[in-house]
């Protein structure tokens, strides 16, 4: 499994629009192959926003980023004060580690 971690900066005034945007992203991700789950977050000062999504494969995670950029994110660039930063991680759980023994 792979995780896609995205962060960007904005302002507290944009939070309602960003929360609505998160709902669109969630609905869109559900339509994509390999989607497992997603959570969204915001810093205490409401200036940094992000998402952490899980995917069956790295290819699915990367495809989600491309597709979301093409179909959704371009409509919301005005609330992003910085370009989104994206990182990919191999995701695992303690239960998976125990199975390797």
C-alpha atoms as a PDB file:
ATOM      1  CA  UNK A   1       0.000   0.000   0.000  1.00  0.00           C
ATOM      2  CA  UNK A   2       1.146   3.579  -0.667  1.00  0.00           C
ATOM      3  CA  UNK A   3       0.316   6.940   0.870  1.00  0.00           C
ATOM      4  CA  UNK A   4       0.127  10.300  -0.845  1.00  0.00           C
ATOM      5  CA  UNK A   5       0.712  13.258   1.483  1.00  0.00           C
ATOM      6  CA  UNK A   6      -0.191  16.717   0.174  1.00  0.00           C
ATOM      7  CA  UNK A   7       0.204  20.070   1.952  1.00  0.00           C
ATOM      8  CA  UNK A   8      -0.294  23.705   0.986  1.00  0.00           C
ATOM      9  CA  UNK A   9      -0.577  27.082   2.687  1.00  0.00           C
ATOM     10  CA  UNK A  10      -3.653  29.271   2.747  1.00  0.00           C
ATOM     11  CA  UNK A  11      -5.505  31.580   5.154  1.00  0.00           C
ATOM     12  CA  UNK A  12      -8.140  31.036   7.852  1.00  0.00           C
ATOM     13  CA  UNK A  13     -10.658  32.948   5.703  1.00  0.00           C
ATOM     14  CA  UNK A  14     -10.382  30.220   3.049  1.00  0.00           C
ATOM     15  CA  UNK A  15     -11.153  27.338   5.413  1.00  0.00           C
ATOM     16  CA  UNK A  16     -14.860  26.964   4.466  1.00  0.00           C
ATOM     17  CA  UNK A  17     -13.985  26.730   0.777  1.00  0.00           C
ATOM     18  CA  UNK A  18     -11.117  24.336   1.477  1.00  0.00           C
ATOM     19  CA  UNK A  19     -13.408  22.082   3.530  1.00  0.00           C
ATOM     20  CA  UNK A  20     -15.900  22.028   0.642  1.00  0.00           C
ATOM     21  CA  UNK A  21     -12.999  21.241  -1.691  1.00  0.00           C
ATOM     22  CA  UNK A  22     -12.035  18.301   0.554  1.00  0.00           C
ATOM     23  CA  UNK A  23     -15.519  16.872   0.044  1.00  0.00           C
ATOM     24  CA  UNK A  24     -15.074  17.088  -3.732  1.00  0.00           C
ATOM     25  CA  UNK A  25     -11.660  15.433  -3.514  1.00  0.00           C
ATOM     26  CA  UNK A  26     -13.057  12.604  -1.389  1.00  0.00           C
ATOM     27  CA  UNK A  27     -15.911  11.953  -3.820  1.00  0.00           C
ATOM     28  CA  UNK A  28     -13.507  12.067  -6.769  1.00  0.00           C
ATOM     29  CA  UNK A  29     -10.952   9.736  -5.143  1.00  0.00           C
ATOM     30  CA  UNK A  30     -13.724   7.177  -4.538  1.00  0.00           C
ATOM     31  CA  UNK A  31     -14.133   6.875  -8.314  1.00  0.00           C
ATOM     32  CA  UNK A  32     -10.472   5.997  -8.903  1.00  0.00           C
ATOM     33  CA  UNK A  33      -8.955   2.518  -9.034  1.00  0.00           C
ATOM     34  CA  UNK A  34      -6.833   1.619  -6.040  1.00  0.00           C
ATOM     35  CA  UNK A  35      -8.376   4.111  -3.582  1.00  0.00           C
ATOM     36  CA  UNK A  36      -8.354   2.966   0.054  1.00  0.00           C
ATOM     37  CA  UNK A  37      -9.012   6.046   2.213  1.00  0.00           C
ATOM     38  CA  UNK A  38      -8.240   9.731   2.775  1.00  0.00           C
ATOM     39  CA  UNK A  39      -8.145  12.100   5.738  1.00  0.00           C
ATOM     40  CA  UNK A  40      -7.765  15.881   5.688  1.00  0.00           C
ATOM     41  CA  UNK A  41      -6.146  18.176   8.215  1.00  0.00           C
ATOM     42  CA  UNK A  42      -5.484  21.786   9.102  1.00  0.00           C
ATOM     43  CA  UNK A  43      -2.897  23.376  11.403  1.00  0.00           C
ATOM     44  CA  UNK A  44      -4.040  25.075  14.606  1.00  0.00           C
ATOM     45  CA  UNK A  45      -3.487  28.531  13.085  1.00  0.00           C
ATOM     46  CA  UNK A  46      -5.464  27.471   9.973  1.00  0.00           C
ATOM     47  CA  UNK A  47      -2.650  28.390   7.581  1.00  0.00           C
ATOM     48  CA  UNK A  48      -1.490  24.922   6.510  1.00  0.00           C
ATOM     49  CA  UNK A  49      -3.866  22.374   5.031  1.00  0.00           C
ATOM     50  CA  UNK A  50      -3.271  18.843   3.863  1.00  0.00           C
ATOM     51  CA  UNK A  51      -4.461  15.396   2.982  1.00  0.00           C
ATOM     52  CA  UNK A  52      -3.144  11.887   3.559  1.00  0.00           C
ATOM     53  CA  UNK A  53      -4.580   9.322   1.170  1.00  0.00           C
ATOM     54  CA  UNK A  54      -3.959   5.584   0.943  1.00  0.00           C
ATOM     55  CA  UNK A  55      -3.799   3.646  -2.302  1.00  0.00           C
ATOM     56  CA  UNK A  56      -3.289   0.008  -3.278  1.00  0.00           C
ATOM     57  CA  UNK A  57      -0.170   0.837  -5.330  1.00  0.00           C
ATOM     58  CA  UNK A  58       2.217   3.726  -5.894  1.00  0.00           C
ATOM     59  CA  UNK A  59       0.961   3.905  -9.475  1.00  0.00           C
ATOM     60  CA  UNK A  60      -2.594   4.418  -8.206  1.00  0.00           C
ATOM     61  CA  UNK A  61      -1.404   7.155  -5.806  1.00  0.00           C
ATOM     62  CA  UNK A  62       0.495   8.973  -8.556  1.00  0.00           C
ATOM     63  CA  UNK A  63      -2.423   8.616 -10.964  1.00  0.00           C
ATOM     64  CA  UNK A  64      -4.743  10.128  -8.348  1.00  0.00           C
ATOM     65  CA  UNK A  65      -2.497  13.165  -8.084  1.00  0.00           C
ATOM     66  CA  UNK A  66      -2.417  13.672 -11.837  1.00  0.00           C
ATOM     67  CA  UNK A  67      -6.152  13.179 -12.242  1.00  0.00           C
ATOM     68  CA  UNK A  68      -7.046  15.422  -9.300  1.00  0.00           C
ATOM     69  CA  UNK A  69      -4.767  18.143 -10.677  1.00  0.00           C
ATOM     70  CA  UNK A  70      -6.432  17.923 -14.080  1.00  0.00           C
ATOM     71  CA  UNK A  71     -10.041  17.685 -12.934  1.00  0.00           C
ATOM     72  CA  UNK A  72     -10.355  19.395  -9.550  1.00  0.00           C
ATOM     73  CA  UNK A  73      -7.392  21.308  -8.151  1.00  0.00           C
ATOM     74  CA  UNK A  74      -7.172  23.872 -10.941  1.00  0.00           C
ATOM     75  CA  UNK A  75     -10.556  25.263  -9.814  1.00  0.00           C
ATOM     76  CA  UNK A  76      -9.217  25.870  -6.309  1.00  0.00           C
ATOM     77  CA  UNK A  77      -5.784  27.347  -6.957  1.00  0.00           C
ATOM     78  CA  UNK A  78      -6.956  30.780  -5.817  1.00  0.00           C
ATOM     79  CA  UNK A  79      -7.189  29.564  -2.188  1.00  0.00           C
ATOM     80  CA  UNK A  80      -3.716  28.033  -2.302  1.00  0.00           C
ATOM     81  CA  UNK A  81      -1.087  30.580  -1.245  1.00  0.00           C
ATOM     82  CA  UNK A  82       1.723  28.161  -2.137  1.00  0.00           C
ATOM     83  CA  UNK A  83       2.118  25.375  -4.629  1.00  0.00           C
ATOM     84  CA  UNK A  84       1.039  22.065  -3.139  1.00  0.00           C
ATOM     85  CA  UNK A  85       3.869  19.892  -1.869  1.00  0.00           C
ATOM     86  CA  UNK A  86       3.378  16.168  -2.459  1.00  0.00           C
ATOM     87  CA  UNK A  87       5.292  13.223  -1.013  1.00  0.00           C
ATOM     88  CA  UNK A  88       4.755   9.492  -1.441  1.00  0.00           C
ATOM     89  CA  UNK A  89       5.362   6.861   1.218  1.00  0.00           C
ATOM     90  CA  UNK A  90       5.174   3.115   1.362  1.00  0.00           C
ATOM     91  CA  UNK A  91       2.453   2.528   3.950  1.00  0.00           C
ATOM     92  CA  UNK A  92       2.415  -0.334   6.433  1.00  0.00           C
ATOM     93  CA  UNK A  93       0.782  -1.270   9.702  1.00  0.00           C
ATOM     94  CA  UNK A  94       2.234  -3.087  12.716  1.00  0.00           C
ATOM     95  CA  UNK A  95       0.082  -6.101  11.812  1.00  0.00           C
ATOM     96  CA  UNK A  96       1.829  -6.299   8.421  1.00  0.00           C
ATOM     97  CA  UNK A  97       5.234  -6.186  10.115  1.00  0.00           C
ATOM     98  CA  UNK A  98       4.317  -9.147  12.310  1.00  0.00           C
ATOM     99  CA  UNK A  99       3.424 -11.217   9.222  1.00  0.00           C
ATOM    100  CA  UNK A 100       6.943 -10.782   7.826  1.00  0.00           C
ATOM    101  CA  UNK A 101       8.508 -12.746  10.710  1.00  0.00           C
END
